[in-house]
Structure formats: C-alpha cells, structure tokens
Amino acid sequence: MHPVTGVVEIDPADALALQRDGALLVDVREDDERAAGMPAQALALPLGVLGSRIAAEAPERDRTLLAICASGRRSLRARDELLSLGYADVRSVRGGFARWRAEGLPVAEGLLGADAAQRYARHLVLPEVGVAGQARLGASRVALIGAGGLGAPASLYLAAAGIGHLTLVDDDRVERSNLQRQVVHADARVGMPKVDSARIALEALNPTITIATRETRIVAANVEEVVAGHDVVIDGADNFPTRYLLDAACRRLGIPLVYGAVHRFTGQVSVFDARDAASPCYRCLFPDPPTAAEAPNCSEAGVLGVLPGTIGLLQATEAVKLLLGAGRPLVGRLLCYDALAATFRELGLPRDPACPGCGPGAVFTGYEDIAAICSAD
C-alpha cells in the first residue's frame, strides 16, 4: 500500500474500503466508550497508550493507519502522534464512530452491549467502576433478606446499578400499612406476596437482570441453603432470630453481611465481613438478643416513613462497594443516623474476643441452637 501525502480525513465508507484492502483501523477511544461497540476488526488502543503500544501492532511504518474516535477530534491528535512516530500514511475518520454507526457500517459488539453502555453510562465514566467494574456487578449475586422497609430501597438501587442476580427472600404479603415506607410495592399489589410485588417493580426498572424469589422465612433448617452462592447478603430482616441465623450462616460460608436496622427516627448500618479476620460479627454488637420491651418492632414503636429509605440506600451503597472492591466498607464501624437531628455518628465496633459468635472460644453447635437463644420475635 502506497502512502498518500496530504490526506488528513476520510469518510467512514472510504475508511472501510481501505481497511478491507489492508489498512489498520485504530479505535483510540477509552474502554468505557467502546462498551457499546466499535468498528468491526478495529484495533482498540486508547489515545493515552497509542504511542507506546502501536509499534507492536503495526511494525511496518509504510502501512496505512486509520484513526477513529467518537466524533473525529481525538483521531486528528492521534494522526499527528502517529506521523511523529514515523508512519507515512495516517488518516483520521471524519465524524468518528458516531457517523460510522449511523451509516450502518460493520460494528463489533462491545464488552457490555449497547443497552448496558447507555443504561450504566454514569458508572462507566467513573474510574472506580468503568467497564470492568460494571461487568463485575453484572456477574454478582446478592441476596436481600426482607422485601420490606430496608429491602425495598436497597433492591431498587441494586437493580438499577446492574447487579446481575438478585434473590429476594420474604414470606410476607403486601399490606396497605407497608406503603408508607416500602417503596418497591404499590397499592394495586396489596395482598400479593412481597417477593412477587418487588419482582414486578424491579423487572420494570431493569429487565436485563435476573431476579429470583424465595417466598419463605429464614429458619434454622434453610438459612445456609438460602444464602449459599451469593457474593453479598443484605440484612433487611425485622426480627432477631433471622439476624442471628444470617450472621452465623454468613460467617460459616464466608459471605459479607450488610446489616441495617431502623427504630422510630434512628437507624444504623454496618458490615460484618467474614473474609476479614479483623471484622466483628453481629454478635459482637448484640451478644444476646434484647427483650421485646428493649427493641419493639415497627408496628409497635412506629417508624418515620423516609428513614428506611436512608438506611436501605446506605446498605445498597456498602454492597456495591464490596462487590467493586472500592472505598472503605463499614467493617469495624457502626454508622448511626438520627433523622430528627439530621446527624450521622460513627462508632468503632472492634471484634470482641469474648464474642459467642466469632471469638476464639466460640463453638458452633448448630443453627437450631442459635435460633433457640432468641426464639421469640
């Protein structure tokens, strides 16, 4: 192929013809931009690494190179850089990939696909997420125990974030009194099992993910089977027997447990990560269950409707951080929120060496024994 002096830009159709004749088409966009697709048979080399990596892909300096970006601006800079490296014939594709796709030229599927690239566009531009992180979220499995006050907001945002597989676990049915705070449900679905009501809302929000439902209550006989195979478990339970069972099962299976609780105008969040040797467990916080008088449920004490939304969203945030391996999870910390004062307070929560759940002297004698210590809801 002979160099053509002075040709700066060419139309996409002409670029395709040259590519088929042996020219190398180089897509200089970033990885997240190519998530929705790229020109077929193009070489993916972001502009920032183009100079250091192009020689390995195109050692012949007389080969025609075609640079393409999103709209045609960066490809002009890429052309200048490639010319400075000694390539004799470099051309920029006019209009970039936007015009290439609009003209119906051959496109290779991106890492995420066109739907995902649009749906998660604001994630993809975050360096802490990007294409790899979004793919990780898409391959993740999260179990939400409870489709009520905490599970409702958490499930909505986890579905929106693209968690690939959500398992909803609840044995209750939607009541009209739930609707003040359990925003995943609707008046038309009063009387429906909560897991089915939630699934309808979540599938409407994001039909690309998988949602499994378990219309069951967590008990000693099923807790390990229900949570096994998940990457994170979110505790949206409203009773102590379930929480103690979840804590034991997650510790035994090595699954991070994202804890949340609400009471009247206050709430708290923490992460108990069995993979971390320094992490406390739920029984470091509550070695023994409080009495019903000490911890009345929402139907007895009431709860500000917006409060579970705040706490549930914090739980969803912690789950996403754990799945991405980003930031600093709330391991060894208890985050307390007072809605009336509009304040957050963080308390240290170290591992208790005398903890009956995770201390060095702790002995697991079975889930039935754990359920027995707090048999009253």
Protein backbone atom coordinates (compact mmCIF):
# COMPACT_ATOMS: atom_id res chain seq x y z
CA MET A 1 0.00 0.00 0.00
CA HIS A 2 1.48 3.31 -1.08
CA PRO A 3 1.42 6.44 1.08
CA VAL A 4 -0.91 9.22 0.00
CA THR A 5 0.61 12.53 1.02
CA GLY A 6 -1.68 15.22 2.39
CA VAL A 7 -4.80 13.13 3.07
CA VAL A 8 -5.91 14.14 6.57
CA GLU A 9 -9.53 13.00 6.88
CA ILE A 10 -11.63 10.45 5.05
CA ASP A 11 -15.27 9.42 5.25
CA PRO A 12 -16.19 6.23 7.12
CA ALA A 13 -17.17 4.36 3.95
CA ASP A 14 -13.78 5.13 2.41
CA ALA A 15 -12.08 4.03 5.63
CA LEU A 16 -13.94 0.72 5.48
CA ALA A 17 -12.77 0.19 1.90
CA LEU A 18 -9.17 0.87 2.89
CA GLN A 19 -9.49 -1.42 5.92
CA ARG A 20 -10.66 -4.24 3.67
CA ASP A 21 -7.66 -3.53 1.45
CA GLY A 22 -5.24 -3.98 4.36
CA ALA A 23 -5.20 -0.70 6.27
CA LEU A 24 -5.26 -0.89 10.08
CA LEU A 25 -8.23 0.83 11.71
CA VAL A 26 -7.33 2.01 15.23
CA ASP A 27 -10.09 2.94 17.69
CA VAL A 28 -8.47 5.49 20.03
CA ARG A 29 -11.46 5.89 22.39
CA GLU A 30 -11.34 4.86 26.04
CA ASP A 31 -12.52 1.41 27.13
CA ASP A 32 -15.79 2.69 28.58
CA GLU A 33 -16.64 4.40 25.29
CA ARG A 34 -16.22 1.14 23.42
CA ALA A 35 -18.55 -0.67 25.81
CA ALA A 36 -21.43 -0.17 23.37
CA GLY A 37 -19.46 -1.38 20.37
CA MET A 38 -16.65 -0.49 17.99
CA PRO A 39 -15.90 -0.79 14.27
CA ALA A 40 -15.56 -4.42 13.27
CA GLN A 41 -11.96 -5.65 13.04
CA ALA A 42 -10.62 -2.42 14.57
CA LEU A 43 -7.69 -2.36 16.97
CA ALA A 44 -8.58 -0.90 20.39
CA LEU A 45 -5.80 1.42 21.58
CA PRO A 46 -6.82 4.42 23.72
CA LEU A 47 -5.09 7.64 22.78
CA GLY A 48 -3.14 7.68 26.05
CA VAL A 49 -1.30 4.43 25.24
CA LEU A 50 -1.25 4.71 21.47
CA GLY A 51 2.35 5.88 21.23
CA SER A 52 3.73 3.15 23.47
CA ARG A 53 1.81 0.23 22.00
CA ILE A 54 1.26 0.86 18.32
CA ALA A 55 4.67 -0.43 17.19
CA ALA A 56 3.88 -3.92 18.49
CA GLU A 57 0.66 -3.97 16.48
CA ALA A 58 1.90 -2.24 13.34
CA PRO A 59 5.66 -2.60 12.96
CA GLU A 60 5.58 -1.61 9.25
CA ARG A 61 5.84 2.16 9.06
CA ASP A 62 4.52 2.22 5.49
CA ARG A 63 1.20 0.58 6.38
CA THR A 64 -1.82 2.84 6.13
CA LEU A 65 -3.29 3.60 9.56
CA LEU A 66 -6.80 4.90 10.10
CA ALA A 67 -7.61 6.58 13.42
CA ILE A 68 -11.19 6.74 14.67
CA CYS A 69 -12.62 8.22 17.88
CA ALA A 70 -16.08 9.28 18.99
CA SER A 71 -16.60 12.29 16.73
CA GLY A 72 -13.34 12.88 14.86
CA ARG A 73 -11.38 15.24 17.11
CA ARG A 74 -9.13 12.92 19.09
CA SER A 75 -8.40 10.95 15.94
CA LEU A 76 -6.79 14.06 14.49
CA ARG A 77 -4.48 14.21 17.51
CA ALA A 78 -3.82 10.51 17.09
CA ARG A 79 -2.88 11.15 13.46
CA ASP A 80 -0.32 13.77 14.49
CA GLU A 81 1.19 11.42 17.05
CA LEU A 82 1.43 8.53 14.62
CA LEU A 83 3.05 10.74 11.98
CA SER A 84 5.62 11.83 14.57
CA LEU A 85 6.41 8.15 15.16
CA GLY A 86 7.31 7.71 11.51
CA TYR A 87 4.14 6.29 10.00
CA ALA A 88 3.87 7.70 6.50
CA ASP A 89 0.17 7.40 5.76
CA VAL A 90 -2.21 8.14 8.62
CA ARG A 91 -5.79 9.31 8.16
CA SER A 92 -8.50 10.38 10.58
CA VAL A 93 -12.04 9.05 10.09
CA ARG A 94 -14.37 12.02 9.68
CA GLY A 95 -17.29 12.02 12.12
CA GLY A 96 -15.84 9.21 14.21
CA PHE A 97 -17.72 6.17 15.45
CA ALA A 98 -20.95 8.15 15.71
CA ARG A 99 -21.00 8.57 11.94
CA TRP A 100 -19.65 5.07 11.34
CA ARG A 101 -22.61 3.56 13.22
CA ALA A 102 -25.11 5.99 11.68
CA GLU A 103 -24.06 4.90 8.19
CA GLY A 104 -24.69 1.27 9.07
CA LEU A 105 -21.09 0.13 8.69
CA PRO A 106 -19.95 -3.12 10.38
CA VAL A 107 -19.87 -2.93 14.17
CA ALA A 108 -18.49 -5.42 16.68
CA GLU A 109 -20.39 -5.89 19.92
CA GLY A 110 -18.81 -4.08 22.87
CA LEU A 111 -17.92 -5.63 26.20
CA LEU A 112 -21.29 -4.65 27.70
CA GLY A 113 -23.57 -4.20 24.72
CA ALA A 114 -25.42 -1.11 23.58
CA ASP A 115 -28.18 -1.31 26.21
CA ALA A 116 -25.75 -1.65 29.11
CA ALA A 117 -23.49 1.09 27.78
CA GLN A 118 -26.40 3.52 27.78
CA ARG A 119 -28.00 2.24 30.99
CA TYR A 120 -24.80 2.43 33.05
CA ALA A 121 -23.18 5.38 31.27
CA ARG A 122 -22.66 7.33 34.50
CA HIS A 123 -20.93 4.31 36.06
CA LEU A 124 -18.67 3.77 33.09
CA VAL A 125 -17.07 7.20 33.35
CA LEU A 126 -16.10 6.58 36.98
CA PRO A 127 -12.54 5.22 37.13
CA GLU A 128 -13.53 3.20 40.20
CA VAL A 129 -16.18 1.39 38.15
CA GLY A 130 -15.61 1.56 34.40
CA VAL A 131 -16.26 -1.35 32.07
CA ALA A 132 -14.51 -3.91 34.26
CA GLY A 133 -16.36 -2.84 37.39
CA GLN A 134 -19.73 -2.80 35.67
CA ALA A 135 -19.06 -6.27 34.30
CA ARG A 136 -18.21 -7.35 37.85
CA LEU A 137 -21.52 -6.00 39.12
CA GLY A 138 -23.29 -7.81 36.31
CA ALA A 139 -21.71 -11.10 37.36
CA SER A 140 -22.53 -10.60 41.05
CA ARG A 141 -25.19 -12.32 43.15
CA VAL A 142 -26.82 -10.52 46.08
CA ALA A 143 -29.39 -11.93 48.49
CA LEU A 144 -31.81 -9.46 50.06
CA ILE A 145 -33.37 -10.87 53.19
CA GLY A 146 -36.62 -8.99 53.52
CA ALA A 147 -38.54 -7.11 50.84
CA GLY A 148 -39.88 -4.55 53.30
CA GLY A 149 -38.67 -1.21 54.64
CA LEU A 150 -34.94 -1.78 54.12
CA GLY A 151 -35.11 -4.29 51.29
CA ALA A 152 -37.38 -2.06 49.20
CA PRO A 153 -34.97 0.86 48.62
CA ALA A 154 -31.92 -1.39 48.61
CA SER A 155 -33.41 -3.65 45.94
CA LEU A 156 -34.40 -0.74 43.71
CA TYR A 157 -30.92 0.73 43.66
CA LEU A 158 -29.14 -2.61 43.35
CA ALA A 159 -31.33 -3.44 40.36
CA ALA A 160 -30.65 -0.01 38.87
CA ALA A 161 -26.91 -0.50 39.43
CA GLY A 162 -26.96 -3.66 37.34
CA ILE A 163 -26.37 -6.36 39.94
CA GLY A 164 -26.74 -9.38 37.70
CA HIS A 165 -28.65 -11.64 40.06
CA LEU A 166 -30.85 -10.56 42.96
CA THR A 167 -32.51 -13.08 45.27
CA LEU A 168 -35.49 -11.71 47.21
CA VAL A 169 -36.40 -13.60 50.37
CA ASP A 170 -39.59 -12.81 52.30
CA ASP A 171 -42.66 -14.75 53.44
CA ASP A 172 -44.94 -11.75 53.96
CA ARG A 173 -47.66 -10.17 51.82
CA VAL A 174 -48.09 -6.51 50.92
CA GLU A 175 -50.34 -4.58 53.30
CA ARG A 176 -51.55 -1.04 52.85
CA SER A 177 -49.67 -0.02 56.00
CA ASN A 178 -46.44 -1.03 54.25
CA LEU A 179 -46.78 1.56 51.51
CA GLN A 180 -45.75 4.47 53.75
CA ARG A 181 -42.13 3.25 53.54
CA GLN A 182 -41.83 0.10 51.38
CA VAL A 183 -41.49 1.94 48.10
CA VAL A 184 -40.98 -1.09 45.88
CA HIS A 185 -44.63 -2.03 46.35
CA ALA A 186 -47.83 -0.38 45.06
CA ASP A 187 -51.43 -0.04 46.16
CA ALA A 188 -52.61 -2.26 43.31
CA ARG A 189 -50.47 -5.11 44.68
CA VAL A 190 -51.84 -5.13 48.23
CA GLY A 191 -52.33 -8.78 49.22
CA MET A 192 -49.66 -10.05 46.83
CA PRO A 193 -46.56 -11.83 48.18
CA LYS A 194 -43.91 -9.18 48.75
CA VAL A 195 -41.32 -11.04 46.71
CA ASP A 196 -43.63 -11.12 43.68
CA SER A 197 -44.62 -7.48 44.10
CA ALA A 198 -40.98 -6.44 44.35
CA ARG A 199 -40.02 -8.55 41.35
CA ILE A 200 -42.63 -6.77 39.20
CA ALA A 201 -41.20 -3.35 40.14
CA LEU A 202 -37.57 -4.39 39.72
CA GLU A 203 -38.10 -6.04 36.34
CA ALA A 204 -39.86 -2.90 35.15
CA LEU A 205 -36.86 -0.84 36.28
CA ASN A 206 -34.19 -3.12 34.82
CA PRO A 207 -35.33 -6.03 32.65
CA THR A 208 -31.74 -7.08 31.90
CA ILE A 209 -31.03 -8.61 35.33
CA THR A 210 -32.14 -11.90 36.86
CA ILE A 211 -34.43 -11.82 39.88
CA ALA A 212 -35.10 -14.96 41.92
CA THR A 213 -37.77 -15.08 44.60
CA ARG A 214 -38.00 -17.19 47.73
CA GLU A 215 -41.33 -16.88 49.48
CA THR A 216 -40.06 -18.27 52.74
CA ARG A 217 -38.99 -17.28 56.22
CA ILE A 218 -35.38 -17.75 57.25
CA VAL A 219 -35.22 -20.58 59.78
CA ALA A 220 -32.52 -22.89 61.09
CA ALA A 221 -33.37 -25.55 58.51
CA ASN A 222 -32.95 -23.34 55.42
CA VAL A 223 -30.69 -20.38 56.25
CA GLU A 224 -27.47 -21.83 54.86
CA GLU A 225 -29.11 -23.10 51.70
CA VAL A 226 -30.80 -19.74 51.05
CA VAL A 227 -27.68 -17.57 51.31
CA ALA A 228 -25.16 -20.01 49.81
CA GLY A 229 -23.75 -18.99 46.44
CA HIS A 230 -24.21 -15.26 46.92
CA ASP A 231 -21.45 -12.66 46.98
CA VAL A 232 -23.14 -10.35 49.49
CA VAL A 233 -26.13 -10.73 51.80
CA ILE A 234 -28.20 -7.70 52.83
CA ASP A 235 -29.96 -7.96 56.17
CA GLY A 236 -33.34 -6.30 55.82
CA ALA A 237 -34.93 -8.50 58.45
CA ASP A 238 -37.29 -7.22 61.12
CA ASN A 239 -36.63 -9.82 63.81
CA PHE A 240 -33.70 -11.05 65.87
CA PRO A 241 -33.93 -14.79 65.13
CA THR A 242 -33.39 -14.10 61.42
CA ARG A 243 -30.46 -11.79 62.11
CA TYR A 244 -28.68 -14.27 64.36
CA LEU A 245 -29.17 -17.04 61.83
CA LEU A 246 -27.92 -14.86 58.96
CA ASP A 247 -24.88 -13.87 60.97
CA ALA A 248 -23.97 -17.48 61.69
CA ALA A 249 -24.54 -18.66 58.12
CA CYS A 250 -22.58 -15.80 56.55
CA ARG A 251 -19.68 -16.40 58.92
CA ARG A 252 -19.61 -20.11 58.11
CA LEU A 253 -19.86 -19.52 54.35
CA GLY A 254 -17.50 -16.53 54.23
CA ILE A 255 -20.09 -14.09 52.81
CA PRO A 256 -20.12 -10.39 53.74
CA LEU A 257 -23.29 -9.39 55.60
CA VAL A 258 -24.55 -5.80 55.30
CA TYR A 259 -26.52 -5.01 58.44
CA GLY A 260 -29.17 -2.33 58.80
CA ALA A 261 -31.83 -1.51 61.36
CA VAL A 262 -34.35 1.27 62.00
CA HIS A 263 -36.33 2.40 65.03
CA ARG A 264 -38.69 5.38 65.13
CA PHE A 265 -36.39 8.20 63.91
CA THR A 266 -32.98 6.49 64.08
CA GLY A 267 -31.13 3.86 62.12
CA GLN A 268 -27.78 2.12 61.94
CA VAL A 269 -25.64 0.36 59.34
CA SER A 270 -22.54 -1.81 59.49
CA VAL A 271 -20.74 -4.53 57.54
CA PHE A 272 -19.77 -7.88 59.02
CA ASP A 273 -17.28 -9.40 56.60
CA ALA A 274 -16.31 -12.98 57.43
CA ARG A 275 -13.48 -12.80 54.88
CA ASP A 276 -11.70 -10.20 57.05
CA ALA A 277 -10.01 -11.67 60.12
CA ALA A 278 -10.39 -8.36 61.96
CA SER A 279 -14.08 -7.93 61.22
CA PRO A 280 -16.57 -8.19 64.07
CA CYS A 281 -19.81 -10.12 63.64
CA TYR A 282 -23.38 -9.29 64.56
CA ARG A 283 -22.97 -10.90 67.97
CA CYS A 284 -20.07 -8.59 68.76
CA LEU A 285 -22.73 -5.86 68.62
CA PHE A 286 -25.52 -7.89 70.23
CA PRO A 287 -24.08 -10.90 72.11
CA ASP A 288 -27.59 -11.75 73.26
CA PRO A 289 -30.91 -10.61 71.82
CA PRO A 290 -32.61 -7.69 73.56
CA THR A 291 -36.03 -8.21 75.01
CA ALA A 292 -39.18 -7.16 73.17
CA ALA A 293 -39.51 -4.23 75.57
CA GLU A 294 -35.96 -3.10 74.77
CA ALA A 295 -36.42 -3.39 71.00
CA PRO A 296 -40.06 -3.14 69.93
CA ASN A 297 -40.81 -3.70 66.26
CA CYS A 298 -42.03 -1.03 63.83
CA SER A 299 -45.70 -1.90 64.24
CA GLU A 300 -45.40 -1.25 67.98
CA ALA A 301 -43.00 1.70 68.08
CA GLY A 302 -43.61 3.24 64.66
CA VAL A 303 -41.04 4.44 62.14
CA LEU A 304 -40.66 7.60 60.09
CA GLY A 305 -41.51 6.53 56.54
CA VAL A 306 -38.44 8.02 54.88
CA LEU A 307 -35.99 6.58 57.42
CA PRO A 308 -35.77 3.05 55.95
CA GLY A 309 -35.04 4.68 52.61
CA THR A 310 -31.93 6.36 54.03
CA ILE A 311 -30.69 3.22 55.75
CA GLY A 312 -31.58 0.89 52.88
CA LEU A 313 -29.68 3.10 50.43
CA LEU A 314 -26.64 3.05 52.70
CA GLN A 315 -26.85 -0.75 52.73
CA ALA A 316 -27.03 -0.81 48.94
CA THR A 317 -24.02 1.51 48.78
CA GLU A 318 -22.00 -0.78 51.04
CA ALA A 319 -22.96 -3.79 48.92
CA VAL A 320 -21.82 -2.10 45.72
CA LYS A 321 -18.53 -1.06 47.34
CA LEU A 322 -17.91 -4.63 48.48
CA LEU A 323 -18.62 -6.02 45.02
CA LEU A 324 -16.35 -3.47 43.33
CA GLY A 325 -13.63 -3.66 45.96
CA ALA A 326 -13.84 0.13 46.12
CA GLY A 327 -13.61 2.54 49.01
CA ARG A 328 -13.67 1.68 52.68
CA PRO A 329 -16.55 -0.57 53.77
CA LEU A 330 -18.17 -0.12 57.18
CA VAL A 331 -16.21 -3.02 58.65
CA GLY A 332 -15.50 -2.42 62.33
CA ARG A 333 -17.66 0.69 62.27
CA LEU A 334 -21.28 1.30 63.19
CA LEU A 335 -22.84 4.26 61.39
CA CYS A 336 -25.75 5.75 63.34
CA TYR A 337 -28.25 8.17 61.81
CA ASP A 338 -30.64 10.47 63.67
CA ALA A 339 -33.25 11.74 61.24
CA LEU A 340 -34.68 14.38 63.58
CA ALA A 341 -31.27 15.91 64.28
CA ALA A 342 -30.05 15.25 60.72
CA THR A 343 -26.77 13.88 62.08
CA PHE A 344 -24.57 10.88 61.45
CA ARG A 345 -22.35 9.45 64.16
CA GLU A 346 -19.74 6.75 63.67
CA LEU A 347 -18.88 4.36 66.47
CA GLY A 348 -15.94 2.00 66.50
CA LEU A 349 -17.02 -1.63 66.57
CA PRO A 350 -13.98 -3.82 67.18
CA ARG A 351 -14.08 -7.58 67.23
CA ASP A 352 -14.97 -8.84 70.69
CA PRO A 353 -12.56 -11.55 71.90
CA ALA A 354 -15.32 -12.87 74.14
CA CYS A 355 -17.92 -12.90 71.35
CA PRO A 356 -20.04 -16.05 71.45
CA GLY A 357 -20.23 -15.96 67.67
CA CYS A 358 -16.72 -15.23 66.37
CA GLY A 359 -14.45 -15.20 69.44
CA PRO A 360 -11.59 -17.71 69.67
CA GLY A 361 -13.56 -19.73 72.21
CA ALA A 362 -16.81 -19.72 70.22
CA VAL A 363 -18.23 -23.13 69.33
CA PHE A 364 -20.85 -23.62 66.65
CA THR A 365 -23.36 -26.21 67.83
CA GLY A 366 -25.89 -25.82 65.05
CA TYR A 367 -28.45 -23.37 63.72
CA GLU A 368 -31.17 -24.83 65.91
CA ASP A 369 -29.23 -23.76 68.98
CA ILE A 370 -28.77 -20.26 67.57
CA ALA A 371 -32.47 -19.94 66.84
CA ALA A 372 -33.25 -21.12 70.37
CA ILE A 373 -31.46 -18.21 72.04
CA CYS A 374 -33.97 -15.77 70.54
CA SER A 375 -37.00 -17.86 69.77
CA ALA A 376 -39.43 -15.02 70.47
CA ASP A 377 -39.93 -12.48 67.64
